[in-house]
Structures are given as structure tokens and as C-alpha cells.
PDB file of N, CA and C in Angstrom:
ATOM      1  N   MET A   1       0.826  -1.199  -0.113  1.00  0.00           N
ATOM      2  CA  MET A   1      -0.123  -0.156  -0.086  1.00  0.00           C
ATOM      3  C   MET A   1       0.907   1.086  -0.002  1.00  0.00           C
ATOM      4  N   GLY A   2       0.429   1.958  -0.812  1.00  0.00           N
ATOM      5  CA  GLY A   2       1.162   3.479  -0.768  1.00  0.00           C
ATOM      6  C   GLY A   2       1.116   4.264   0.156  1.00  0.00           C
ATOM      7  N   ARG A   3       2.226   5.133   0.418  1.00  0.00           N
ATOM      8  CA  ARG A   3       1.664   6.375   1.797  1.00  0.00           C
ATOM      9  C   ARG A   3       1.216   7.419   1.418  1.00  0.00           C
ATOM     10  N   PRO A   4       0.255   8.001   2.149  1.00  0.00           N
ATOM     11  CA  PRO A   4      -0.425   9.255   1.978  1.00  0.00           C
ATOM     12  C   PRO A   4       0.063  10.453   2.092  1.00  0.00           C
ATOM     13  N   VAL A   5      -0.155  11.470   1.148  1.00  0.00           N
ATOM     14  CA  VAL A   5       0.025  12.900   1.645  1.00  0.00           C
ATOM     15  C   VAL A   5      -0.549  13.426   2.789  1.00  0.00           C
ATOM     16  N   ALA A   6      -0.078  13.426   3.705  1.00  0.00           N
ATOM     17  CA  ALA A   6      -1.071  14.012   4.671  1.00  0.00           C
ATOM     18  C   ALA A   6      -0.843  15.370   5.117  1.00  0.00           C
ATOM     19  N   PHE A   7      -0.085  16.763   4.520  1.00  0.00           N
ATOM     20  CA  PHE A   7      -0.362  18.025   5.065  1.00  0.00           C
ATOM     21  C   PHE A   7       0.635  18.382   3.793  1.00  0.00           C
ATOM     22  N   PHE A   8       0.271  19.842   3.440  1.00  0.00           N
ATOM     23  CA  PHE A   8       0.953  20.708   2.716  1.00  0.00           C
ATOM     24  C   PHE A   8       1.638  21.987   3.627  1.00  0.00           C
ATOM     25  N   GLU A   9       2.605  22.252   3.287  1.00  0.00           N
ATOM     26  CA  GLU A   9       3.313  23.661   3.819  1.00  0.00           C
ATOM     27  C   GLU A   9       3.702  24.774   2.692  1.00  0.00           C
ATOM     28  N   VAL A  10       3.377  25.839   3.009  1.00  0.00           N
ATOM     29  CA  VAL A  10       4.004  27.232   2.519  1.00  0.00           C
ATOM     30  C   VAL A  10       4.836  27.708   3.436  1.00  0.00           C
ATOM     31  N   VAL A  11       5.732  28.270   2.779  1.00  0.00           N
ATOM     32  CA  VAL A  11       6.723  28.963   3.648  1.00  0.00           C
ATOM     33  C   VAL A  11       7.270  30.119   2.891  1.00  0.00           C
ATOM     34  N   SER A  12       7.003  31.385   3.392  1.00  0.00           N
ATOM     35  CA  SER A  12       7.451  32.808   2.437  1.00  0.00           C
ATOM     36  C   SER A  12       7.824  33.760   3.287  1.00  0.00           C
ATOM     37  N   ASP A  13       8.940  34.314   3.114  1.00  0.00           N
ATOM     38  CA  ASP A  13       9.486  35.379   3.098  1.00  0.00           C
ATOM     39  C   ASP A  13       8.636  36.701   4.006  1.00  0.00           C
ATOM     40  N   ASP A  14       7.201  36.546   3.337  1.00  0.00           N
ATOM     41  CA  ASP A  14       6.149  37.563   3.532  1.00  0.00           C
ATOM     42  C   ASP A  14       4.672  36.346   3.773  1.00  0.00           C
ATOM     43  N   HIS A  15       4.956  35.739   4.939  1.00  0.00           N
ATOM     44  CA  HIS A  15       4.028  34.696   5.215  1.00  0.00           C
ATOM     45  C   HIS A  15       2.716  35.418   5.219  1.00  0.00           C
ATOM     46  N   ARG A  16       2.395  36.735   5.864  1.00  0.00           N
ATOM     47  CA  ARG A  16       0.840  37.139   5.793  1.00  0.00           C
ATOM     48  C   ARG A  16       0.630  37.289   4.335  1.00  0.00           C
ATOM     49  N   ARG A  17       1.369  38.063   3.529  1.00  0.00           N
ATOM     50  CA  ARG A  17       0.925  38.105   2.145  1.00  0.00           C
ATOM     51  C   ARG A  17       0.413  36.898   1.622  1.00  0.00           C
ATOM     52  N   ALA A  18       1.670  35.822   2.074  1.00  0.00           N
ATOM     53  CA  ALA A  18       0.984  34.363   1.318  1.00  0.00           C
ATOM     54  C   ALA A  18      -0.576  33.905   2.041  1.00  0.00           C
ATOM     55  N   GLN A  19      -0.664  34.124   3.390  1.00  0.00           N
ATOM     56  CA  GLN A  19      -1.666  33.591   3.954  1.00  0.00           C
ATOM     57  C   GLN A  19      -3.028  34.502   3.526  1.00  0.00           C
ATOM     58  N   ARG A  20      -2.728  35.643   3.568  1.00  0.00           N
ATOM     59  CA  ARG A  20      -3.773  36.536   2.466  1.00  0.00           C
ATOM     60  C   ARG A  20      -4.300  35.785   0.889  1.00  0.00           C
ATOM     61  N   PHE A  21      -3.152  35.562   0.159  1.00  0.00           N
ATOM     62  CA  PHE A  21      -3.330  34.864  -0.863  1.00  0.00           C
ATOM     63  C   PHE A  21      -3.766  34.091  -1.260  1.00  0.00           C
ATOM     64  N   TYR A  22      -3.198  32.866  -0.807  1.00  0.00           N
ATOM     65  CA  TYR A  22      -4.010  31.530  -0.658  1.00  0.00           C
ATOM     66  C   TYR A  22      -5.527  31.354   0.069  1.00  0.00           C
ATOM     67  N   GLY A  23      -5.874  31.880   1.087  1.00  0.00           N
ATOM     68  CA  GLY A  23      -7.186  31.980   1.574  1.00  0.00           C
ATOM     69  C   GLY A  23      -7.949  32.874   0.448  1.00  0.00           C
ATOM     70  N   ASP A  24      -7.729  33.834   0.143  1.00  0.00           N
ATOM     71  CA  ASP A  24      -8.636  34.813  -1.047  1.00  0.00           C
ATOM     72  C   ASP A  24      -8.793  34.064  -1.822  1.00  0.00           C
ATOM     73  N   LEU A  25      -7.470  33.433  -3.006  1.00  0.00           N
ATOM     74  CA  LEU A  25      -8.037  32.632  -3.826  1.00  0.00           C
ATOM     75  C   LEU A  25      -8.283  31.624  -3.978  1.00  0.00           C
ATOM     76  N   PHE A  26      -8.257  30.759  -2.825  1.00  0.00           N
ATOM     77  CA  PHE A  26      -9.048  29.037  -2.965  1.00  0.00           C
ATOM     78  C   PHE A  26     -10.191  29.355  -2.039  1.00  0.00           C
ATOM     79  N   ALA A  27     -10.594  30.495  -1.055  1.00  0.00           N
ATOM     80  CA  ALA A  27     -11.534  30.496  -0.030  1.00  0.00           C
ATOM     81  C   ALA A  27     -11.003  29.642   1.020  1.00  0.00           C
ATOM     82  N   TRP A  28      -9.813  29.721   1.624  1.00  0.00           N
ATOM     83  CA  TRP A  28      -9.651  28.809   2.688  1.00  0.00           C
ATOM     84  C   TRP A  28      -9.612  29.736   3.856  1.00  0.00           C
ATOM     85  N   THR A  29      -9.938  28.634   5.094  1.00  0.00           N
ATOM     86  CA  THR A  29      -9.928  29.506   6.331  1.00  0.00           C
ATOM     87  C   THR A  29      -8.435  29.421   6.648  1.00  0.00           C
ATOM     88  N   ILE A  30      -7.513  30.440   7.484  1.00  0.00           N
ATOM     89  CA  ILE A  30      -6.613  30.378   7.643  1.00  0.00           C
ATOM     90  C   ILE A  30      -6.541  30.970   9.301  1.00  0.00           C
ATOM     91  N   ASP A  31      -5.837  30.552  10.116  1.00  0.00           N
ATOM     92  CA  ASP A  31      -5.899  30.605  11.420  1.00  0.00           C
ATOM     93  C   ASP A  31      -4.500  30.755  12.012  1.00  0.00           C
ATOM     94  N   GLU A  32      -4.290  31.782  12.210  1.00  0.00           N
ATOM     95  CA  GLU A  32      -2.741  32.123  13.032  1.00  0.00           C
ATOM     96  C   GLU A  32      -2.381  31.867  13.771  1.00  0.00           C
ATOM     97  N   ASP A  33      -1.649  31.059  14.764  1.00  0.00           N
ATOM     98  CA  ASP A  33      -1.543  30.520  16.003  1.00  0.00           C
ATOM     99  C   ASP A  33      -0.466  31.666  16.946  1.00  0.00           C
ATOM    100  N   PRO A  34      -1.055  32.132  17.664  1.00  0.00           N
ATOM    101  CA  PRO A  34       0.083  33.138  18.249  1.00  0.00           C
ATOM    102  C   PRO A  34       0.871  32.773  18.884  1.00  0.00           C
ATOM    103  N   THR A  35       1.115  31.395  19.340  1.00  0.00           N
ATOM    104  CA  THR A  35       2.033  30.679  20.240  1.00  0.00           C
ATOM    105  C   THR A  35       3.168  30.261  18.613  1.00  0.00           C
ATOM    106  N   MET A  36       2.879  30.354  17.592  1.00  0.00           N
ATOM    107  CA  MET A  36       3.797  29.742  16.518  1.00  0.00           C
ATOM    108  C   MET A  36       4.451  30.782  15.969  1.00  0.00           C
ATOM    109  N   GLU A  37       4.615  31.811  16.360  1.00  0.00           N
ATOM    110  CA  GLU A  37       5.517  33.251  15.576  1.00  0.00           C
ATOM    111  C   GLU A  37       5.201  33.416  13.777  1.00  0.00           C
ATOM    112  N   GLY A  38       3.600  33.150  13.729  1.00  0.00           N
ATOM    113  CA  GLY A  38       3.133  33.710  12.667  1.00  0.00           C
ATOM    114  C   GLY A  38       2.644  32.672  11.645  1.00  0.00           C
ATOM    115  N   TYR A  39       3.032  31.344  12.604  1.00  0.00           N
ATOM    116  CA  TYR A  39       2.721  30.107  11.592  1.00  0.00           C
ATOM    117  C   TYR A  39       0.866  30.085  11.614  1.00  0.00           C
ATOM    118  N   ALA A  40       0.226  29.368  10.441  1.00  0.00           N
ATOM    119  CA  ALA A  40      -1.111  29.674  10.528  1.00  0.00           C
ATOM    120  C   ALA A  40      -1.754  28.112  10.162  1.00  0.00           C
ATOM    121  N   MET A  41      -2.620  27.615  10.398  1.00  0.00           N
ATOM    122  CA  MET A  41      -2.976  26.184  10.039  1.00  0.00           C
ATOM    123  C   MET A  41      -4.132  26.837   8.926  1.00  0.00           C
ATOM    124  N   VAL A  42      -4.268  25.777   8.299  1.00  0.00           N
ATOM    125  CA  VAL A  42      -5.294  26.121   6.977  1.00  0.00           C
ATOM    126  C   VAL A  42      -6.282  24.735   6.848  1.00  0.00           C
ATOM    127  N   ASP A  43      -7.674  25.569   6.802  1.00  0.00           N
ATOM    128  CA  ASP A  43      -8.887  24.699   6.555  1.00  0.00           C
ATOM    129  C   ASP A  43      -9.352  24.920   5.314  1.00  0.00           C
ATOM    130  N   THR A  44      -9.017  23.962   4.137  1.00  0.00           N
ATOM    131  CA  THR A  44      -9.093  24.293   2.923  1.00  0.00           C
ATOM    132  C   THR A  44     -11.421  24.205   2.831  1.00  0.00           C
ATOM    133  N   GLY A  45     -11.729  23.402   3.945  1.00  0.00           N
ATOM    134  CA  GLY A  45     -12.944  23.520   3.467  1.00  0.00           C
ATOM    135  C   GLY A  45     -13.413  22.349   3.085  1.00  0.00           C
ATOM    136  N   ALA A  46     -12.648  21.338   2.766  1.00  0.00           N
ATOM    137  CA  ALA A  46     -13.035  20.285   1.841  1.00  0.00           C
ATOM    138  C   ALA A  46     -13.461  18.773   2.640  1.00  0.00           C
ATOM    139  N   GLY A  47     -13.659  19.305   3.858  1.00  0.00           N
ATOM    140  CA  GLY A  47     -14.293  17.949   4.820  1.00  0.00           C
ATOM    141  C   GLY A  47     -13.333  17.417   5.238  1.00  0.00           C
ATOM    142  N   ASP A  48     -13.477  16.415   6.476  1.00  0.00           N
ATOM    143  CA  ASP A  48     -12.819  15.871   7.120  1.00  0.00           C
ATOM    144  C   ASP A  48     -11.668  15.188   6.483  1.00  0.00           C
ATOM    145  N   ASP A  49     -11.714  14.563   5.586  1.00  0.00           N
ATOM    146  CA  ASP A  49     -10.589  13.916   4.697  1.00  0.00           C
ATOM    147  C   ASP A  49     -10.061  14.265   4.183  1.00  0.00           C
ATOM    148  N   ALA A  50     -10.023  15.521   3.854  1.00  0.00           N
ATOM    149  CA  ALA A  50      -9.207  16.588   3.140  1.00  0.00           C
ATOM    150  C   ALA A  50      -7.680  16.789   3.824  1.00  0.00           C
ATOM    151  N   VAL A  51      -6.698  16.823   3.078  1.00  0.00           N
ATOM    152  CA  VAL A  51      -5.319  17.112   3.500  1.00  0.00           C
ATOM    153  C   VAL A  51      -5.358  18.621   4.121  1.00  0.00           C
ATOM    154  N   THR A  52      -4.957  18.762   5.140  1.00  0.00           N
ATOM    155  CA  THR A  52      -4.616  20.454   5.725  1.00  0.00           C
ATOM    156  C   THR A  52      -3.167  20.536   5.340  1.00  0.00           C
ATOM    157  N   GLY A  53      -3.057  21.803   6.277  1.00  0.00           N
ATOM    158  CA  GLY A  53      -1.704  22.605   5.557  1.00  0.00           C
ATOM    159  C   GLY A  53      -1.432  23.406   6.504  1.00  0.00           C
ATOM    160  N   GLY A  54      -0.678  24.493   6.290  1.00  0.00           N
ATOM    161  CA  GLY A  54      -0.198  25.340   7.195  1.00  0.00           C
ATOM    162  C   GLY A  54       0.636  26.351   6.037  1.00  0.00           C
ATOM    163  N   ILE A  55       0.196  27.781   6.548  1.00  0.00           N
ATOM    164  CA  ILE A  55       1.285  28.954   6.065  1.00  0.00           C
ATOM    165  C   ILE A  55       1.977  29.399   6.815  1.00  0.00           C
ATOM    166  N   GLY A  56       3.569  29.849   6.810  1.00  0.00           N
ATOM    167  CA  GLY A  56       3.833  30.381   7.585  1.00  0.00           C
ATOM    168  C   GLY A  56       5.618  31.025   7.044  1.00  0.00           C
ATOM    169  N   PRO A  57       6.253  31.676   8.070  1.00  0.00           N
ATOM    170  CA  PRO A  57       7.502  32.600   7.857  1.00  0.00           C
ATOM    171  C   PRO A  57       8.658  31.676   7.918  1.00  0.00           C
ATOM    172  N   SER A  58       9.481  32.214   6.891  1.00  0.00           N
ATOM    173  CA  SER A  58      10.954  31.482   6.547  1.00  0.00           C
ATOM    174  C   SER A  58      11.456  31.566   7.820  1.00  0.00           C
ATOM    175  N   GLN A  59      12.199  30.107   8.306  1.00  0.00           N
ATOM    176  CA  GLN A  59      13.181  30.322   9.488  1.00  0.00           C
ATOM    177  C   GLN A  59      14.545  30.131   9.207  1.00  0.00           C
ATOM    178  N   VAL A  60      14.944  29.785   7.796  1.00  0.00           N
ATOM    179  CA  VAL A  60      16.534  29.965   7.431  1.00  0.00           C
ATOM    180  C   VAL A  60      16.378  29.837   5.938  1.00  0.00           C
ATOM    181  N   PRO A  61      17.465  30.910   5.437  1.00  0.00           N
ATOM    182  CA  PRO A  61      17.656  31.272   4.283  1.00  0.00           C
ATOM    183  C   PRO A  61      17.242  30.020   3.208  1.00  0.00           C
ATOM    184  N   GLY A  62      16.692  30.057   2.051  1.00  0.00           N
ATOM    185  CA  GLY A  62      16.218  29.035   1.371  1.00  0.00           C
ATOM    186  C   GLY A  62      15.406  28.153   1.321  1.00  0.00           C
ATOM    187  N   ASP A  63      14.591  28.335   2.463  1.00  0.00           N
ATOM    188  CA  ASP A  63      13.403  27.421   3.174  1.00  0.00           C
ATOM    189  C   ASP A  63      11.977  27.797   2.400  1.00  0.00           C
ATOM    190  N   THR A  64      12.103  28.926   1.586  1.00  0.00           N
ATOM    191  CA  THR A  64      10.809  29.418   0.891  1.00  0.00           C
ATOM    192  C   THR A  64      10.279  28.119  -0.174  1.00  0.00           C
ATOM    193  N   GLY A  65       9.165  28.422  -0.054  1.00  0.00           N
ATOM    194  CA  GLY A  65       8.259  27.645  -1.249  1.00  0.00           C
ATOM    195  C   GLY A  65       7.166  26.585  -0.749  1.00  0.00           C
ATOM    196  N   VAL A  66       6.995  25.589  -1.381  1.00  0.00           N
ATOM    197  CA  VAL A  66       5.838  24.916  -1.130  1.00  0.00           C
ATOM    198  C   VAL A  66       6.527  23.526  -0.655  1.00  0.00           C
ATOM    199  N   LYS A  67       5.613  22.606   0.240  1.00  0.00           N
ATOM    200  CA  LYS A  67       6.255  21.271   0.189  1.00  0.00           C
ATOM    201  C   LYS A  67       5.132  20.679   0.554  1.00  0.00           C
ATOM    202  N   PHE A  68       5.286  19.432   0.519  1.00  0.00           N
ATOM    203  CA  PHE A  68       4.148  18.157   0.978  1.00  0.00           C
ATOM    204  C   PHE A  68       4.753  17.293   1.784  1.00  0.00           C
ATOM    205  N   TYR A  69       4.284  16.817   2.794  1.00  0.00           N
ATOM    206  CA  TYR A  69       4.452  15.837   3.719  1.00  0.00           C
ATOM    207  C   TYR A  69       3.524  14.496   3.320  1.00  0.00           C
ATOM    208  N   VAL A  70       4.238  13.366   3.694  1.00  0.00           N
ATOM    209  CA  VAL A  70       4.004  12.068   3.482  1.00  0.00           C
ATOM    210  C   VAL A  70       4.017  11.342   4.954  1.00  0.00           C
ATOM    211  N   ARG A  71       2.823  10.805   4.822  1.00  0.00           N
ATOM    212  CA  ARG A  71       2.940   9.565   6.334  1.00  0.00           C
ATOM    213  C   ARG A  71       3.552   8.638   5.856  1.00  0.00           C
ATOM    214  N   VAL A  72       4.626   8.284   6.840  1.00  0.00           N
ATOM    215  CA  VAL A  72       5.612   7.349   7.103  1.00  0.00           C
ATOM    216  C   VAL A  72       5.650   6.476   8.599  1.00  0.00           C
ATOM    217  N   ASP A  73       5.969   5.341   8.432  1.00  0.00           N
ATOM    218  CA  ASP A  73       6.172   4.830   9.927  1.00  0.00           C
ATOM    219  C   ASP A  73       7.355   4.707  10.315  1.00  0.00           C
ATOM    220  N   ASP A  74       8.321   4.931   9.792  1.00  0.00           N
ATOM    221  CA  ASP A  74       9.983   5.066   9.999  1.00  0.00           C
ATOM    222  C   ASP A  74      10.677   6.254   9.661  1.00  0.00           C
ATOM    223  N   LEU A  75      10.750   7.459  10.127  1.00  0.00           N
ATOM    224  CA  LEU A  75      11.509   8.375   9.647  1.00  0.00           C
ATOM    225  C   LEU A  75      13.013   8.191   9.160  1.00  0.00           C
ATOM    226  N   GLU A  76      13.575   7.307   9.940  1.00  0.00           N
ATOM    227  CA  GLU A  76      15.075   7.305   9.785  1.00  0.00           C
ATOM    228  C   GLU A  76      15.160   6.139   8.859  1.00  0.00           C
ATOM    229  N   GLY A  77      14.156   5.213   8.675  1.00  0.00           N
ATOM    230  CA  GLY A  77      14.374   4.060   7.639  1.00  0.00           C
ATOM    231  C   GLY A  77      14.139   4.946   5.936  1.00  0.00           C
ATOM    232  N   THR A  78      12.994   5.840   6.286  1.00  0.00           N
ATOM    233  CA  THR A  78      12.479   6.629   5.202  1.00  0.00           C
ATOM    234  C   THR A  78      13.770   7.402   4.526  1.00  0.00           C
ATOM    235  N   LEU A  79      14.351   8.057   5.697  1.00  0.00           N
ATOM    236  CA  LEU A  79      15.580   9.033   5.292  1.00  0.00           C
ATOM    237  C   LEU A  79      16.550   7.906   4.608  1.00  0.00           C
ATOM    238  N   ALA A  80      16.838   6.905   5.332  1.00  0.00           N
ATOM    239  CA  ALA A  80      17.810   6.376   4.964  1.00  0.00           C
ATOM    240  C   ALA A  80      17.449   5.596   3.421  1.00  0.00           C
ATOM    241  N   ARG A  81      16.714   5.264   2.773  1.00  0.00           N
ATOM    242  CA  ARG A  81      15.998   4.797   1.660  1.00  0.00           C
ATOM    243  C   ARG A  81      16.375   5.837   0.536  1.00  0.00           C
ATOM    244  N   ALA A  82      15.710   6.957   1.212  1.00  0.00           N
ATOM    245  CA  ALA A  82      15.721   8.371   0.089  1.00  0.00           C
ATOM    246  C   ALA A  82      17.540   8.512  -0.025  1.00  0.00           C
ATOM    247  N   ALA A  83      18.153   8.122   0.862  1.00  0.00           N
ATOM    248  CA  ALA A  83      19.684   8.461   0.547  1.00  0.00           C
ATOM    249  C   ALA A  83      20.200   7.240  -0.694  1.00  0.00           C
ATOM    250  N   GLU A  84      19.681   6.329  -0.465  1.00  0.00           N
ATOM    251  CA  GLU A  84      19.872   5.077  -1.338  1.00  0.00           C
ATOM    252  C   GLU A  84      19.296   5.337  -2.729  1.00  0.00           C
ATOM    253  N   LEU A  85      18.372   5.960  -3.005  1.00  0.00           N
ATOM    254  CA  LEU A  85      17.772   6.396  -4.027  1.00  0.00           C
ATOM    255  C   LEU A  85      18.435   7.622  -4.741  1.00  0.00           C
ATOM    256  N   GLY A  86      19.366   8.255  -3.916  1.00  0.00           N
ATOM    257  CA  GLY A  86      19.933   9.272  -4.665  1.00  0.00           C
ATOM    258  C   GLY A  86      19.402  10.862  -3.788  1.00  0.00           C
ATOM    259  N   GLY A  87      18.428  10.776  -2.667  1.00  0.00           N
ATOM    260  CA  GLY A  87      18.165  11.548  -1.980  1.00  0.00           C
ATOM    261  C   GLY A  87      18.918  12.332  -1.071  1.00  0.00           C
ATOM    262  N   ALA A  88      18.636  13.136  -0.326  1.00  0.00           N
ATOM    263  CA  ALA A  88      19.439  13.966   0.813  1.00  0.00           C
ATOM    264  C   ALA A  88      18.694  14.582   1.885  1.00  0.00           C
ATOM    265  N   ARG A  89      18.853  14.212   3.148  1.00  0.00           N
ATOM    266  CA  ARG A  89      18.476  14.342   4.227  1.00  0.00           C
ATOM    267  C   ARG A  89      18.618  16.373   4.458  1.00  0.00           C
ATOM    268  N   LEU A  90      17.387  16.807   4.488  1.00  0.00           N
ATOM    269  CA  LEU A  90      17.305  18.685   4.730  1.00  0.00           C
ATOM    270  C   LEU A  90      17.187  18.688   6.251  1.00  0.00           C
ATOM    271  N   ALA A  91      16.119  17.954   6.626  1.00  0.00           N
ATOM    272  CA  ALA A  91      15.873  18.280   8.263  1.00  0.00           C
ATOM    273  C   ALA A  91      15.993  16.783   9.116  1.00  0.00           C
ATOM    274  N   GLU A  92      16.494  16.784  10.106  1.00  0.00           N
ATOM    275  CA  GLU A  92      16.598  15.983  11.059  1.00  0.00           C
ATOM    276  C   GLU A  92      15.384  15.581  11.485  1.00  0.00           C
ATOM    277  N   PRO A  93      15.029  14.329  12.104  1.00  0.00           N
ATOM    278  CA  PRO A  93      13.747  14.255  12.564  1.00  0.00           C
ATOM    279  C   PRO A  93      13.640  15.088  13.889  1.00  0.00           C
ATOM    280  N   MET A  94      12.513  15.695  13.934  1.00  0.00           N
ATOM    281  CA  MET A  94      12.196  16.564  15.290  1.00  0.00           C
ATOM    282  C   MET A  94      10.529  16.089  15.479  1.00  0.00           C
ATOM    283  N   ASP A  95      10.466  16.398  17.321  1.00  0.00           N
ATOM    284  CA  ASP A  95       9.083  16.353  17.380  1.00  0.00           C
ATOM    285  C   ASP A  95       8.387  17.686  17.323  1.00  0.00           C
ATOM    286  N   LEU A  96       7.003  17.460  16.783  1.00  0.00           N
ATOM    287  CA  LEU A  96       5.865  18.556  16.903  1.00  0.00           C
ATOM    288  C   LEU A  96       5.555  18.794  17.978  1.00  0.00           C
ATOM    289  N   PRO A  97       5.043  20.162  18.247  1.00  0.00           N
ATOM    290  CA  PRO A  97       4.291  20.396  19.572  1.00  0.00           C
ATOM    291  C   PRO A  97       3.112  19.383  19.893  1.00  0.00           C
ATOM    292  N   GLY A  98       2.626  19.387  21.087  1.00  0.00           N
ATOM    293  CA  GLY A  98       1.921  18.296  21.424  1.00  0.00           C
ATOM    294  C   GLY A  98       2.113  17.246  21.069  1.00  0.00           C
ATOM    295  N   ASP A  99       0.716  16.245  20.877  1.00  0.00           N
ATOM    296  CA  ASP A  99       0.894  15.302  20.276  1.00  0.00           C
ATOM    297  C   ASP A  99       0.977  14.613  18.753  1.00  0.00           C
ATOM    298  N   TYR A 100       1.709  15.517  18.195  1.00  0.00           N
ATOM    299  CA  TYR A 100       1.032  15.754  16.546  1.00  0.00           C
ATOM    300  C   TYR A 100       2.466  14.604  15.987  1.00  0.00           C
ATOM    301  N   GLY A 101       3.229  14.255  16.842  1.00  0.00           N
ATOM    302  CA  GLY A 101       4.040  13.642  16.113  1.00  0.00           C
ATOM    303  C   GLY A 101       5.419  13.995  15.656  1.00  0.00           C
ATOM    304  N   ARG A 102       6.213  13.337  14.953  1.00  0.00           N
ATOM    305  CA  ARG A 102       7.491  13.741  14.318  1.00  0.00           C
ATOM    306  C   ARG A 102       7.567  14.233  12.871  1.00  0.00           C
ATOM    307  N   ILE A 103       8.544  15.172  12.696  1.00  0.00           N
ATOM    308  CA  ILE A 103       8.649  15.496  11.208  1.00  0.00           C
ATOM    309  C   ILE A 103      10.151  15.400  10.659  1.00  0.00           C
ATOM    310  N   ALA A 104      10.185  14.881   9.443  1.00  0.00           N
ATOM    311  CA  ALA A 104      11.992  15.487   9.006  1.00  0.00           C
ATOM    312  C   ALA A 104      11.543  15.697   7.512  1.00  0.00           C
ATOM    313  N   VAL A 105      12.750  16.517   6.998  1.00  0.00           N
ATOM    314  CA  VAL A 105      12.589  16.769   5.602  1.00  0.00           C
ATOM    315  C   VAL A 105      13.610  16.126   4.710  1.00  0.00           C
ATOM    316  N   LEU A 106      13.535  15.985   3.712  1.00  0.00           N
ATOM    317  CA  LEU A 106      14.364  15.248   2.527  1.00  0.00           C
ATOM    318  C   LEU A 106      14.343  15.978   1.628  1.00  0.00           C
ATOM    319  N   ALA A 107      15.421  15.833   0.460  1.00  0.00           N
ATOM    320  CA  ALA A 107      15.504  16.707  -0.874  1.00  0.00           C
ATOM    321  C   ALA A 107      15.584  15.315  -1.706  1.00  0.00           C
ATOM    322  N   ASP A 108      14.639  15.473  -2.811  1.00  0.00           N
ATOM    323  CA  ASP A 108      14.976  14.217  -3.667  1.00  0.00           C
ATOM    324  C   ASP A 108      15.872  14.399  -4.809  1.00  0.00           C
ATOM    325  N   PRO A 109      16.025  13.565  -5.432  1.00  0.00           N
ATOM    326  CA  PRO A 109      17.595  13.594  -6.239  1.00  0.00           C
ATOM    327  C   PRO A 109      17.162  15.349  -7.364  1.00  0.00           C
ATOM    328  N   ASP A 110      16.260  15.582  -7.586  1.00  0.00           N
ATOM    329  CA  ASP A 110      16.876  17.327  -8.192  1.00  0.00           C
ATOM    330  C   ASP A 110      16.594  18.334  -7.063  1.00  0.00           C
ATOM    331  N   GLY A 111      16.600  18.207  -5.699  1.00  0.00           N
ATOM    332  CA  GLY A 111      16.499  19.249  -4.858  1.00  0.00           C
ATOM    333  C   GLY A 111      15.479  19.759  -4.165  1.00  0.00           C
ATOM    334  N   ASN A 112      14.148  18.966  -4.665  1.00  0.00           N
ATOM    335  CA  ASN A 112      13.022  19.492  -4.145  1.00  0.00           C
ATOM    336  C   ASN A 112      13.190  18.799  -2.751  1.00  0.00           C
ATOM    337  N   PRO A 113      12.403  19.746  -1.717  1.00  0.00           N
ATOM    338  CA  PRO A 113      11.785  19.311  -0.312  1.00  0.00           C
ATOM    339  C   PRO A 113      11.011  18.680  -0.321  1.00  0.00           C
ATOM    340  N   VAL A 114      11.036  17.164   0.383  1.00  0.00           N
ATOM    341  CA  VAL A 114       9.672  16.563   0.602  1.00  0.00           C
ATOM    342  C   VAL A 114       9.552  16.189   2.121  1.00  0.00           C
ATOM    343  N   GLY A 115       8.693  16.479   2.869  1.00  0.00           N
ATOM    344  CA  GLY A 115       8.567  16.388   4.383  1.00  0.00           C
ATOM    345  C   GLY A 115       8.014  14.835   4.314  1.00  0.00           C
ATOM    346  N   LEU A 116       7.752  14.555   5.760  1.00  0.00           N
ATOM    347  CA  LEU A 116       8.218  13.278   6.366  1.00  0.00           C
ATOM    348  C   LEU A 116       7.273  13.377   7.643  1.00  0.00           C
ATOM    349  N   TRP A 117       6.075  12.500   7.742  1.00  0.00           N
ATOM    350  CA  TRP A 117       5.589  12.693   9.306  1.00  0.00           C
ATOM    351  C   TRP A 117       5.088  11.695   9.820  1.00  0.00           C
ATOM    352  N   ALA A 118       5.388  11.002  10.750  1.00  0.00           N
ATOM    353  CA  ALA A 118       5.337   9.748  11.266  1.00  0.00           C
ATOM    354  C   ALA A 118       4.562   9.906  12.773  1.00  0.00           C
TER     355      ALA A 118
END
């Protein structure tokens, strides 16, 4: 069985502009969390089974853009397999706030960032 896309993320040097743009363009509800330094959760309004996302500020140079997160059972194993296939680690596994699990980020062979969520 394949691994599902579970989350998308837009990172911008002007996150409030990005939040307005995507919210207005697609009629998404964008709720900024004051405890997350400008990061906002996105409700696409497509129902309970829809992929959700977030839009937030850039944290380090070069991290702007759009990425998707794929649900995996094993972050380390998936990162190792990606390296075998020509990918690379971009962000080491880290805990998410609350009980939301752990994430990591890899680069595919073309350098595109892909998030992993376990």
C-alpha cells in the first residue's frame, strides 16, 4: 500500500501576504496561532478527509516554497532509503508540539524538499 500525502506547507518571506493570497484565492480559512510565531493552520473547507496544511514565515535562508508531507511509519528508515535512491537529508527528525508526532525533511534527487511525518 502506498503512503498518503498528509499535509502541505507554504513557507514565505512574507507569510502574511501568502496567507492572504491563498485564503482569498481558494476561499481557505487561515488561522494564525499566536504561539507559533506567525505560523497559521489552513482549513481548505473540503471536509474531514481533506489534506490540511499550514502557511508560515521563513526560518532559514532558502526554505521558502511549497512542500508536501507524506505519512510514514519510520522516519529514519525512510530517510536512509531516500539516500540510497539519490536523495539527501535536509532536516533531521524532530518532535512537533503536542501529540502531533515527528517530522523530517528530505531532498529528492532534483533538490525538491519533501516532508515526512510519522
